[in-house]
Amino acid sequence: LDVNSDTLVITFAPSANSIAFVNAIEVVSVPDGLIVDNGFSLYPSGSYSGLLTKALETVFRVNMGGPSVSSGNDTLQRTWVADEKFLIQPNLATNFSNIGAVKYVNGGPTANTAPPSVYGTLTRMNSAGDPRSNFNVTWQFDVEPQFQYLVRLHFCDIVSKGLNELYFNVYINSLLAAKDLDLSIENNNVLATPFFKDLVTAPSASTKMLVSIGPSTVNNNYPDAILNGLEIMKMNNSASSFSSSTAPETGSSGSGSKKVGLIVGVSLGAFFAVVMVLVFFLLCRKRRRLEKEKQGHSKTWVPLSINDGTSHTMGSKYSTGTSGSAASNFGYRFPFVTVLEATNNFDESWVIGIGGFGKVYKGELNDGTKVAVKRGNPRSQQGLAEFRTEIEMLSQFRHRHLVSLIGYCDEKNEMILIYEYMEKGTLKSHLYGSGLPSLSWKERLEICIGAARGL
């Protein structure tokens, strides 16, 4: 960017519904003359002036025929990348290097234009001495469409043994950029002298830029073409921006009114949509709450009747002297009298836990099997549906890390679940209680893993 005053103003203008921010700003001055005002336009073909009025953004800076050049080896701390990855057909090209031969002369390019490590290396046609060679060496670059680009080509004839031996053509996007280029003439008949050529492209819809060098028909005993370096710089658009999403203001009140109307319409539509969704959500929530209250606060619990009125003798150790029934999906159904016997008529001294569902009693069946009996509280928030679901789930699943469900009882409006008894007490008692051995960290970890596997 060419600055003609002692003040540089940088303004950040965010896009609509966005913000603008910056982490750091670094302003670096460069020598006058690094960018010249005049160049050559490819389409329409002819001279181009006004480069100093443009802002330029470097897109590519490439060293042909040599390795990458770090910022420490450039007087302006620029980085030049190697050209191999841009070559379309690398087998058509070969490299050449002679950095010591580069001679900067007064009035020509300097090391600020490009360092000797750029002018002293090149990519050339791999013609292998065949005078019939007729092909182009081509590089391909990704660019943003609909922008003009300044393409600076760097040349330095370090391959010729004498003057006027090398003639070649240069193409950009298949347009002839330089015809029968003779570097001897361009450099006042001095070999190995740097020279550059500035070319301006026209805006294009393509996202690719092709740069090619190829042989000329002039003095073509030994076809050859060279390129030492390349810089591609994007030029700002008519909106003084490098962003393709930025368009210049037209000042049209009609389009402005349409835009305002569109914004208002979209905003109102979105508002009413949000209101409708909110109303629907509140209605669903209220309905679920009413259903839950209806289930959880029923004063009379209806038996499950899951055995269709039939009773089956269990024929197991749980039916000594009394009968029980079994359903295919719900496990064993204990008679209420059996539960009373097992818990000593729900003796309060046998209570081993209290939860949201109700109290848990220690029990013992007639055959001596110890069980845990969980009796539902009529004032509990857990209703018939939850009771049924718990029976279904625990009847179907068996896992060594889950307490097994032995059976249930739903007589006399009761909701009772009967589990296997944990002989060693609860985890809470071992962690916080007294009189029980403490758990090692290994045991605690194994319990956590086992609980997770059970879940």
Protein backbone atom coordinates (compact mmCIF):
# COMPACT_ATOMS: atom_id res chain seq x y z
CA LEU A 1 0.00 0.00 0.00
CA ASP A 2 1.46 3.32 -1.08
CA VAL A 3 1.06 5.94 1.69
CA ASN A 4 1.52 9.58 0.66
CA SER A 5 0.92 11.24 4.05
CA ASP A 6 2.36 11.01 7.53
CA THR A 7 -0.83 9.41 8.86
CA LEU A 8 -2.15 5.91 8.21
CA VAL A 9 -5.78 5.26 9.19
CA ILE A 10 -6.92 1.64 9.55
CA THR A 11 -10.67 1.07 9.90
CA PHE A 12 -12.46 -2.19 10.71
CA ALA A 13 -16.03 -2.38 9.36
CA PRO A 14 -17.88 -5.56 10.39
CA SER A 15 -20.38 -7.24 8.12
CA ALA A 16 -24.07 -7.21 9.01
CA ASN A 17 -24.88 -9.10 12.22
CA SER A 18 -21.19 -9.58 12.91
CA ILE A 19 -18.32 -8.03 14.85
CA ALA A 20 -14.85 -6.84 13.96
CA PHE A 21 -11.75 -7.60 16.02
CA VAL A 22 -7.98 -7.76 15.66
CA ASN A 23 -5.29 -9.40 17.78
CA ALA A 24 -2.34 -7.33 16.62
CA ILE A 25 -1.36 -4.85 13.93
CA GLU A 26 2.11 -4.71 12.43
CA VAL A 27 2.99 -1.93 9.98
CA VAL A 28 6.22 -2.49 8.03
CA SER A 29 7.69 0.11 5.69
CA VAL A 30 9.32 -0.92 2.41
CA PRO A 31 11.67 1.02 0.15
CA ASP A 32 10.22 3.33 -2.47
CA GLY A 33 10.26 1.79 -5.90
CA LEU A 34 9.58 -1.75 -4.75
CA ILE A 35 6.24 -1.47 -6.55
CA VAL A 36 6.23 0.62 -9.73
CA ASP A 37 3.16 2.38 -11.08
CA ASN A 38 3.20 0.88 -14.58
CA GLY A 39 2.70 -2.68 -15.77
CA PHE A 40 1.27 -4.65 -18.66
CA SER A 41 -2.43 -5.58 -18.89
CA LEU A 42 -3.16 -9.03 -20.28
CA TYR A 43 -6.80 -8.37 -21.18
CA PRO A 44 -7.38 -6.03 -22.78
CA SER A 45 -3.79 -6.19 -23.96
CA GLY A 46 -1.79 -3.02 -23.41
CA SER A 47 -0.01 -0.87 -20.86
CA TYR A 48 -1.43 -0.51 -17.35
CA SER A 49 -0.89 2.43 -15.00
CA GLY A 50 -2.12 3.11 -11.48
CA LEU A 51 -0.58 0.26 -9.51
CA LEU A 52 0.47 2.68 -6.77
CA THR A 53 -3.20 3.54 -6.16
CA LYS A 54 -3.98 -0.09 -5.37
CA ALA A 55 -3.60 -2.06 -2.19
CA LEU A 56 -1.82 -5.36 -2.82
CA GLU A 57 -2.11 -8.60 -0.83
CA THR A 58 0.60 -11.20 -1.39
CA VAL A 59 -0.97 -14.56 -2.25
CA PHE A 60 2.11 -16.46 -3.45
CA ARG A 61 5.84 -15.78 -3.40
CA VAL A 62 7.69 -18.66 -5.11
CA ASN A 63 11.37 -19.49 -5.66
CA MET A 64 11.76 -21.48 -8.89
CA GLY A 65 14.37 -24.21 -9.08
CA GLY A 66 15.61 -23.85 -5.52
CA PRO A 67 14.63 -24.50 -1.92
CA SER A 68 12.41 -22.30 0.23
CA VAL A 69 13.99 -19.01 1.27
CA SER A 70 13.38 -18.06 4.89
CA SER A 71 12.73 -14.53 6.11
CA GLY A 72 16.21 -14.40 7.60
CA ASN A 73 17.72 -14.66 4.12
CA ASP A 74 15.64 -11.84 2.66
CA THR A 75 16.43 -8.15 3.25
CA LEU A 76 12.70 -7.42 3.69
CA GLN A 77 12.06 -10.55 5.80
CA ARG A 78 9.92 -12.22 3.14
CA THR A 79 9.50 -15.96 2.75
CA TRP A 80 9.75 -17.63 -0.65
CA VAL A 81 8.42 -21.18 -1.06
CA ALA A 82 9.77 -23.84 -3.44
CA ASP A 83 7.91 -24.39 -6.70
CA GLU A 84 7.73 -28.21 -6.90
CA LYS A 85 4.21 -28.56 -5.52
CA PHE A 86 2.83 -26.10 -8.09
CA LEU A 87 4.24 -27.84 -11.18
CA ILE A 88 1.58 -29.67 -13.19
CA GLN A 89 4.09 -31.97 -14.95
CA PRO A 90 7.36 -31.98 -13.00
CA ASN A 91 8.98 -34.33 -15.52
CA LEU A 92 8.96 -31.53 -18.11
CA ALA A 93 11.07 -29.27 -15.88
CA THR A 94 14.59 -29.30 -14.51
CA ASN A 95 16.43 -27.07 -12.05
CA PHE A 96 19.59 -25.01 -12.39
CA SER A 97 21.55 -23.02 -9.82
CA ASN A 98 24.42 -20.51 -9.95
CA ILE A 99 23.88 -18.00 -7.16
CA GLY A 100 27.40 -16.62 -7.41
CA ALA A 101 26.82 -15.46 -10.99
CA VAL A 102 24.06 -12.98 -10.07
CA LYS A 103 25.04 -9.34 -10.72
CA TYR A 104 22.89 -6.44 -9.49
CA VAL A 105 23.50 -3.31 -11.63
CA ASN A 106 22.65 0.34 -11.06
CA GLY A 107 19.16 1.25 -12.17
CA GLY A 108 17.95 -2.34 -12.10
CA PRO A 109 16.41 -4.62 -9.50
CA THR A 110 18.17 -4.86 -6.14
CA ALA A 111 18.31 -7.43 -3.38
CA ASN A 112 15.18 -5.74 -2.01
CA THR A 113 13.37 -6.77 -5.19
CA ALA A 114 14.37 -10.41 -4.69
CA PRO A 115 17.41 -11.95 -2.95
CA PRO A 116 20.32 -13.66 -4.82
CA SER A 117 19.00 -17.05 -3.69
CA VAL A 118 15.95 -16.39 -5.90
CA TYR A 119 17.70 -14.87 -8.93
CA GLY A 120 20.48 -17.49 -8.66
CA THR A 121 18.16 -20.50 -9.12
CA LEU A 122 15.67 -21.28 -11.88
CA THR A 123 13.36 -23.85 -13.43
CA ARG A 124 13.84 -24.50 -17.14
CA MET A 125 12.56 -26.79 -19.90
CA ASN A 126 13.81 -30.35 -19.61
CA SER A 127 14.46 -30.61 -23.36
CA ALA A 128 17.58 -32.81 -22.97
CA GLY A 129 19.28 -31.11 -25.91
CA ASP A 130 16.59 -32.17 -28.37
CA PRO A 131 16.03 -29.37 -30.94
CA ARG A 132 12.57 -30.79 -31.65
CA SER A 133 11.36 -30.11 -28.10
CA ASN A 134 8.10 -28.18 -28.14
CA PHE A 135 6.23 -28.09 -24.84
CA ASN A 136 5.45 -25.70 -21.99
CA VAL A 137 6.39 -25.88 -18.31
CA THR A 138 3.29 -24.91 -16.32
CA TRP A 139 2.57 -24.01 -12.69
CA GLN A 140 -0.95 -23.91 -11.22
CA PHE A 141 -2.06 -21.68 -8.31
CA ASP A 142 -5.34 -21.42 -6.37
CA VAL A 143 -6.77 -17.89 -6.44
CA GLU A 144 -9.98 -16.17 -5.41
CA PRO A 145 -12.22 -15.43 -8.41
CA GLN A 146 -13.46 -12.01 -9.58
CA PHE A 147 -10.27 -10.18 -8.55
CA GLN A 148 -7.45 -8.63 -10.51
CA TYR A 149 -3.96 -9.90 -9.75
CA LEU A 150 -0.52 -8.38 -10.17
CA VAL A 151 1.83 -11.14 -11.34
CA ARG A 152 5.52 -10.28 -11.03
CA LEU A 153 7.86 -12.60 -12.97
CA HIS A 154 11.55 -12.63 -11.97
CA PHE A 155 14.20 -13.52 -14.57
CA CYS A 156 17.99 -13.81 -14.51
CA ASP A 157 19.84 -15.53 -17.39
CA ILE A 158 22.45 -17.62 -15.58
CA VAL A 159 22.36 -20.44 -18.15
CA SER A 160 23.46 -18.79 -21.42
CA LYS A 161 27.12 -18.81 -22.50
CA GLY A 162 26.67 -15.83 -24.77
CA LEU A 163 24.29 -12.99 -25.59
CA ASN A 164 21.06 -13.45 -27.53
CA GLU A 165 21.05 -17.22 -27.19
CA LEU A 166 17.84 -17.54 -25.18
CA TYR A 167 14.39 -16.68 -26.54
CA PHE A 168 11.15 -17.92 -25.02
CA ASN A 169 7.45 -17.13 -24.48
CA VAL A 170 5.45 -16.60 -21.26
CA TYR A 171 1.74 -17.33 -20.83
CA ILE A 172 -0.76 -16.60 -18.04
CA ASN A 173 -4.07 -18.45 -18.24
CA SER A 174 -3.25 -19.27 -21.89
CA LEU A 175 -2.88 -15.56 -22.72
CA LEU A 176 0.44 -14.53 -24.23
CA ALA A 177 2.21 -12.41 -21.61
CA ALA A 178 5.64 -12.11 -23.28
CA LYS A 179 6.59 -13.15 -26.82
CA ASP A 180 10.15 -13.95 -27.93
CA LEU A 181 11.53 -12.64 -24.63
CA ASP A 182 15.28 -11.94 -24.94
CA LEU A 183 16.80 -11.20 -21.53
CA SER A 184 20.00 -9.92 -23.16
CA ILE A 185 18.10 -7.00 -24.67
CA GLU A 186 16.12 -6.35 -21.49
CA ASN A 187 19.38 -6.14 -19.48
CA ASN A 188 21.44 -4.04 -21.90
CA ASN A 189 23.48 -7.03 -23.09
CA VAL A 190 24.67 -8.06 -19.62
CA LEU A 191 24.20 -11.70 -18.67
CA ALA A 192 23.17 -12.88 -15.19
CA THR A 193 21.50 -9.54 -14.45
CA PRO A 194 18.12 -9.59 -12.62
CA PHE A 195 15.01 -8.44 -14.44
CA PHE A 196 11.30 -8.51 -13.57
CA LYS A 197 8.08 -8.04 -15.51
CA ASP A 198 4.77 -6.89 -13.95
CA LEU A 199 1.57 -8.26 -15.49
CA VAL A 200 -2.03 -7.42 -14.51
CA THR A 201 -4.76 -10.03 -15.01
CA ALA A 202 -8.44 -9.35 -15.64
CA PRO A 203 -11.13 -10.51 -13.16
CA SER A 204 -12.10 -14.10 -13.85
CA ALA A 205 -14.59 -16.65 -12.55
CA SER A 206 -11.85 -19.29 -12.40
CA THR A 207 -10.28 -20.33 -9.11
CA LYS A 208 -7.06 -21.42 -10.85
CA MET A 209 -4.23 -19.39 -12.34
CA LEU A 210 -1.84 -21.02 -14.81
CA VAL A 211 1.65 -19.63 -15.46
CA SER A 212 3.60 -21.22 -18.33
CA ILE A 213 6.93 -20.80 -20.09
CA GLY A 214 7.72 -22.32 -23.48
CA PRO A 215 10.07 -22.14 -26.48
CA SER A 216 10.09 -19.37 -29.08
CA THR A 217 10.42 -19.82 -32.84
CA VAL A 218 13.24 -17.24 -32.93
CA ASN A 219 16.78 -18.66 -33.08
CA ASN A 220 15.42 -21.98 -31.89
CA ASN A 221 18.42 -24.29 -32.39
CA TYR A 222 18.15 -25.32 -28.77
CA PRO A 223 14.61 -24.75 -27.35
CA ASP A 224 14.68 -23.47 -23.78
CA ALA A 225 12.71 -21.27 -21.37
CA ILE A 226 13.44 -20.17 -17.79
CA LEU A 227 11.76 -18.64 -14.75
CA ASN A 228 13.60 -17.67 -11.54
CA GLY A 229 10.84 -16.42 -9.28
CA LEU A 230 7.20 -15.46 -9.12
CA GLU A 231 4.98 -13.22 -6.99
CA ILE A 232 1.18 -13.16 -7.19
CA MET A 233 -0.54 -10.25 -5.44
CA LYS A 234 -4.30 -9.70 -5.18
CA MET A 235 -5.49 -6.16 -5.99
CA ASN A 236 -8.32 -4.53 -4.04
CA ASN A 237 -11.72 -4.43 -5.75
CA SER A 238 -13.94 -1.43 -6.51
CA ALA A 239 -15.16 -1.44 -2.89
CA SER A 240 -11.54 -1.00 -1.71
CA SER A 241 -11.68 -4.45 -0.16
CA PHE A 242 -10.00 -7.85 -0.47
CA SER A 243 -13.24 -9.63 0.50
CA SER A 244 -15.44 -11.05 -2.24
CA SER A 245 -18.49 -10.59 0.00
CA THR A 246 -18.02 -6.82 0.07
CA ALA A 247 -19.95 -4.96 -2.59
CA PRO A 248 -19.87 -1.20 -3.25
CA GLU A 249 -22.86 0.81 -2.08
CA THR A 250 -25.13 1.85 -4.96
CA GLY A 251 -27.11 4.48 -3.11
CA SER A 252 -30.38 3.04 -4.43
CA SER A 253 -33.21 3.83 -2.04
CA GLY A 254 -35.43 1.20 -3.67
CA SER A 255 -33.05 -1.65 -2.93
CA GLY A 256 -32.57 -0.29 0.58
CA SER A 257 -36.31 -0.31 1.20
CA LYS A 258 -36.59 -3.87 -0.07
CA LYS A 259 -33.76 -4.93 2.23
CA VAL A 260 -35.42 -3.28 5.26
CA GLY A 261 -38.75 -4.91 4.39
CA LEU A 262 -37.11 -8.32 4.11
CA ILE A 263 -35.37 -7.92 7.47
CA VAL A 264 -38.62 -6.84 9.19
CA GLY A 265 -40.57 -9.72 7.63
CA VAL A 266 -38.02 -12.33 8.63
CA SER A 267 -37.82 -10.91 12.18
CA LEU A 268 -41.61 -10.99 12.67
CA GLY A 269 -41.85 -14.51 11.28
CA ALA A 270 -39.11 -15.73 13.60
CA PHE A 271 -40.80 -14.03 16.60
CA PHE A 272 -44.17 -15.70 16.00
CA ALA A 273 -42.48 -19.05 15.42
CA VAL A 274 -40.71 -18.79 18.78
CA VAL A 275 -43.98 -17.86 20.51
CA MET A 276 -45.80 -20.86 19.02
CA VAL A 277 -43.02 -23.24 20.05
CA LEU A 278 -43.04 -21.80 23.60
CA VAL A 279 -46.83 -22.19 23.94
CA PHE A 280 -46.64 -25.79 22.69
CA PHE A 281 -43.86 -26.57 25.17
CA LEU A 282 -45.80 -25.12 28.12
CA LEU A 283 -48.95 -27.09 27.21
CA CYS A 284 -47.01 -30.36 26.97
CA ARG A 285 -45.28 -29.67 30.28
CA LYS A 286 -48.58 -28.94 32.02
CA ARG A 287 -50.12 -32.12 30.63
CA ARG A 288 -47.21 -34.26 31.87
CA ARG A 289 -47.43 -32.67 35.32
CA LEU A 290 -51.16 -33.40 35.58
CA GLU A 291 -50.64 -37.02 34.56
CA LYS A 292 -47.84 -37.39 37.09
CA GLU A 293 -49.93 -35.91 39.88
CA LYS A 294 -52.80 -38.17 38.92
CA GLN A 295 -50.60 -41.25 39.21
CA GLY A 296 -48.50 -40.22 42.19
CA HIS A 297 -51.27 -38.91 44.46
CA SER A 298 -53.92 -41.58 43.94
CA LYS A 299 -55.29 -42.58 47.34
CA THR A 300 -56.24 -46.07 46.13
CA TRP A 301 -53.65 -48.24 44.45
CA VAL A 302 -55.08 -50.64 41.88
CA PRO A 303 -53.50 -54.13 41.79
CA LEU A 304 -51.48 -54.96 38.70
CA SER A 305 -53.60 -58.02 37.79
CA ILE A 306 -50.79 -59.23 35.64
CA ASN A 307 -51.58 -62.91 36.17
CA ASP A 308 -55.06 -62.72 34.62
CA GLY A 309 -56.61 -64.00 37.84
CA THR A 310 -54.81 -67.34 37.79
CA SER A 311 -52.48 -68.60 40.46
CA HIS A 312 -49.60 -71.00 40.07
CA THR A 313 -47.70 -72.96 42.66
CA MET A 314 -44.09 -71.88 42.55
CA GLY A 315 -42.68 -75.16 43.67
CA SER A 316 -39.55 -73.46 44.97
CA LYS A 317 -37.98 -72.75 48.29
CA TYR A 318 -40.03 -69.53 48.48
CA SER A 319 -43.39 -71.33 48.89
CA THR A 320 -43.14 -73.27 52.13
CA GLY A 321 -46.62 -73.50 53.53
CA THR A 322 -48.02 -70.74 51.28
CA SER A 323 -48.66 -70.38 47.61
CA GLY A 324 -47.40 -67.84 45.13
CA SER A 325 -47.85 -67.22 41.41
CA ALA A 326 -45.48 -66.45 38.55
CA ALA A 327 -45.98 -64.40 35.35
CA SER A 328 -43.81 -64.90 32.30
CA ASN A 329 -42.62 -61.31 32.29
CA PHE A 330 -42.75 -60.29 35.95
CA GLY A 331 -41.02 -62.93 38.05
CA TYR A 332 -42.58 -64.37 41.23
CA ARG A 333 -45.65 -62.89 42.87
CA PHE A 334 -45.55 -63.32 46.63
CA PRO A 335 -48.76 -63.45 48.69
CA PHE A 336 -49.05 -60.61 51.16
CA VAL A 337 -49.16 -63.04 54.09
CA THR A 338 -45.75 -64.39 53.07
CA VAL A 339 -44.33 -60.88 53.08
CA LEU A 340 -45.79 -60.24 56.55
CA GLU A 341 -44.18 -63.40 57.88
CA ALA A 342 -40.84 -62.53 56.30
CA THR A 343 -40.74 -59.03 57.83
CA ASN A 344 -42.27 -59.86 61.21
CA ASN A 345 -45.34 -57.79 60.29
CA PHE A 346 -43.11 -54.97 59.00
CA ASP A 347 -41.30 -54.60 62.28
CA GLU A 348 -39.82 -51.09 62.47
CA SER A 349 -36.70 -52.49 64.09
CA TRP A 350 -36.07 -54.41 60.87
CA VAL A 351 -35.91 -51.23 58.73
CA ILE A 352 -32.55 -51.04 56.93
CA GLY A 353 -33.21 -48.04 54.69
CA ILE A 354 -35.63 -45.30 53.70
CA GLY A 355 -35.96 -43.84 50.20
CA GLY A 356 -38.33 -41.79 48.10
CA PHE A 357 -40.37 -44.91 47.31
CA GLY A 358 -40.74 -45.98 50.91
CA LYS A 359 -39.03 -48.06 53.61
CA VAL A 360 -36.78 -51.06 53.04
CA TYR A 361 -37.05 -53.94 55.53
CA LYS A 362 -34.77 -56.84 56.21
CA GLY A 363 -36.71 -60.08 55.79
CA GLU A 364 -36.29 -63.83 56.06
CA LEU A 365 -38.31 -66.39 54.14
CA ASN A 366 -39.44 -69.69 55.63
CA ASP A 367 -36.45 -71.53 54.19
CA GLY A 368 -34.02 -69.11 55.84
CA THR A 369 -33.26 -67.02 52.74
CA LYS A 370 -32.60 -63.42 53.71
CA VAL A 371 -34.21 -60.77 51.51
CA ALA A 372 -34.64 -57.00 51.30
CA VAL A 373 -38.30 -55.91 51.13
CA LYS A 374 -39.07 -52.47 49.70
CA ARG A 375 -42.60 -51.35 50.60
CA GLY A 376 -44.15 -48.46 48.71
CA ASN A 377 -45.47 -45.45 50.60
CA PRO A 378 -48.92 -44.22 49.45
CA ARG A 379 -47.63 -40.66 49.69
CA SER A 380 -44.65 -41.48 47.46
CA GLN A 381 -44.30 -39.71 44.10
CA GLN A 382 -43.64 -43.10 42.47
CA GLY A 383 -46.91 -44.46 41.09
CA LEU A 384 -48.23 -47.66 39.58
CA ALA A 385 -46.55 -47.11 36.22
CA GLU A 386 -43.10 -46.73 37.80
CA PHE A 387 -43.72 -49.78 40.01
CA ARG A 388 -44.69 -51.89 36.99
CA THR A 389 -41.71 -50.64 34.96
CA GLU A 390 -39.26 -51.52 37.71
CA ILE A 391 -40.64 -55.05 37.91
CA GLU A 392 -40.45 -55.50 34.14
CA MET A 393 -36.92 -54.20 33.89
CA LEU A 394 -35.41 -56.09 36.82
CA SER A 395 -37.20 -59.31 35.87
CA GLN A 396 -35.60 -59.31 32.43
CA PHE A 397 -32.05 -58.33 33.37
CA ARG A 398 -29.57 -60.31 35.42
CA HIS A 399 -26.07 -59.05 36.05
CA ARG A 400 -23.45 -59.88 38.65
CA HIS A 401 -23.13 -56.20 39.50
CA LEU A 402 -26.88 -55.60 39.89
CA VAL A 403 -29.03 -56.60 42.87
CA SER A 404 -31.45 -59.27 41.60
CA LEU A 405 -35.22 -58.94 41.93
CA ILE A 406 -36.69 -62.05 43.60
CA GLY A 407 -40.36 -61.11 43.32
CA TYR A 408 -43.11 -58.65 44.13
CA CYS A 409 -46.45 -58.31 45.88
CA ASP A 410 -49.44 -56.21 44.78
CA GLU A 411 -52.16 -57.60 47.02
CA LYS A 412 -54.29 -55.30 49.21
CA ASN A 413 -53.27 -52.27 47.11
CA GLU A 414 -49.66 -52.81 48.15
CA MET A 415 -46.61 -52.14 45.98
CA ILE A 416 -43.81 -54.32 47.37
CA LEU A 417 -40.55 -55.35 45.73
CA ILE A 418 -38.42 -58.19 47.12
CA TYR A 419 -34.68 -58.19 46.38
CA GLU A 420 -31.73 -60.34 47.33
CA TYR A 421 -30.19 -59.16 50.58
CA MET A 422 -26.73 -57.54 50.65
CA GLU A 423 -25.03 -59.38 53.49
CA LYS A 424 -22.14 -56.95 53.81
CA GLY A 425 -24.23 -53.82 54.05
CA THR A 426 -24.52 -50.84 51.76
CA LEU A 427 -21.72 -48.94 50.09
CA LYS A 428 -22.75 -45.85 52.04
CA SER A 429 -22.29 -47.70 55.34
CA HIS A 430 -18.78 -48.77 54.39
CA LEU A 431 -17.83 -45.27 53.27
CA TYR A 432 -19.41 -43.18 56.04
CA GLY A 433 -20.61 -45.59 58.72
CA SER A 434 -18.81 -46.92 61.77
CA GLY A 435 -18.12 -50.45 62.85
CA LEU A 436 -17.51 -51.68 59.29
CA PRO A 437 -14.10 -52.21 57.71
CA SER A 438 -13.02 -49.36 55.42
CA LEU A 439 -12.61 -50.00 51.70
CA SER A 440 -9.24 -49.76 49.99
CA TRP A 441 -8.89 -47.54 46.92
CA LYS A 442 -8.59 -50.65 44.76
CA GLU A 443 -11.88 -51.97 46.15
CA ARG A 444 -13.56 -48.60 45.58
CA LEU A 445 -12.35 -48.53 41.99
CA GLU A 446 -13.59 -52.09 41.41
CA ILE A 447 -17.00 -51.11 42.84
CA CYS A 448 -17.21 -48.10 40.52
CA ILE A 449 -16.29 -50.20 37.49
CA GLY A 450 -18.74 -52.92 38.48
CA ALA A 451 -21.56 -50.40 38.97
CA ALA A 452 -20.81 -48.90 35.57
CA ARG A 453 -20.88 -52.32 33.93
CA GLY A 454 -24.16 -53.07 35.61
CA LEU A 455 -25.68 -49.85 34.32
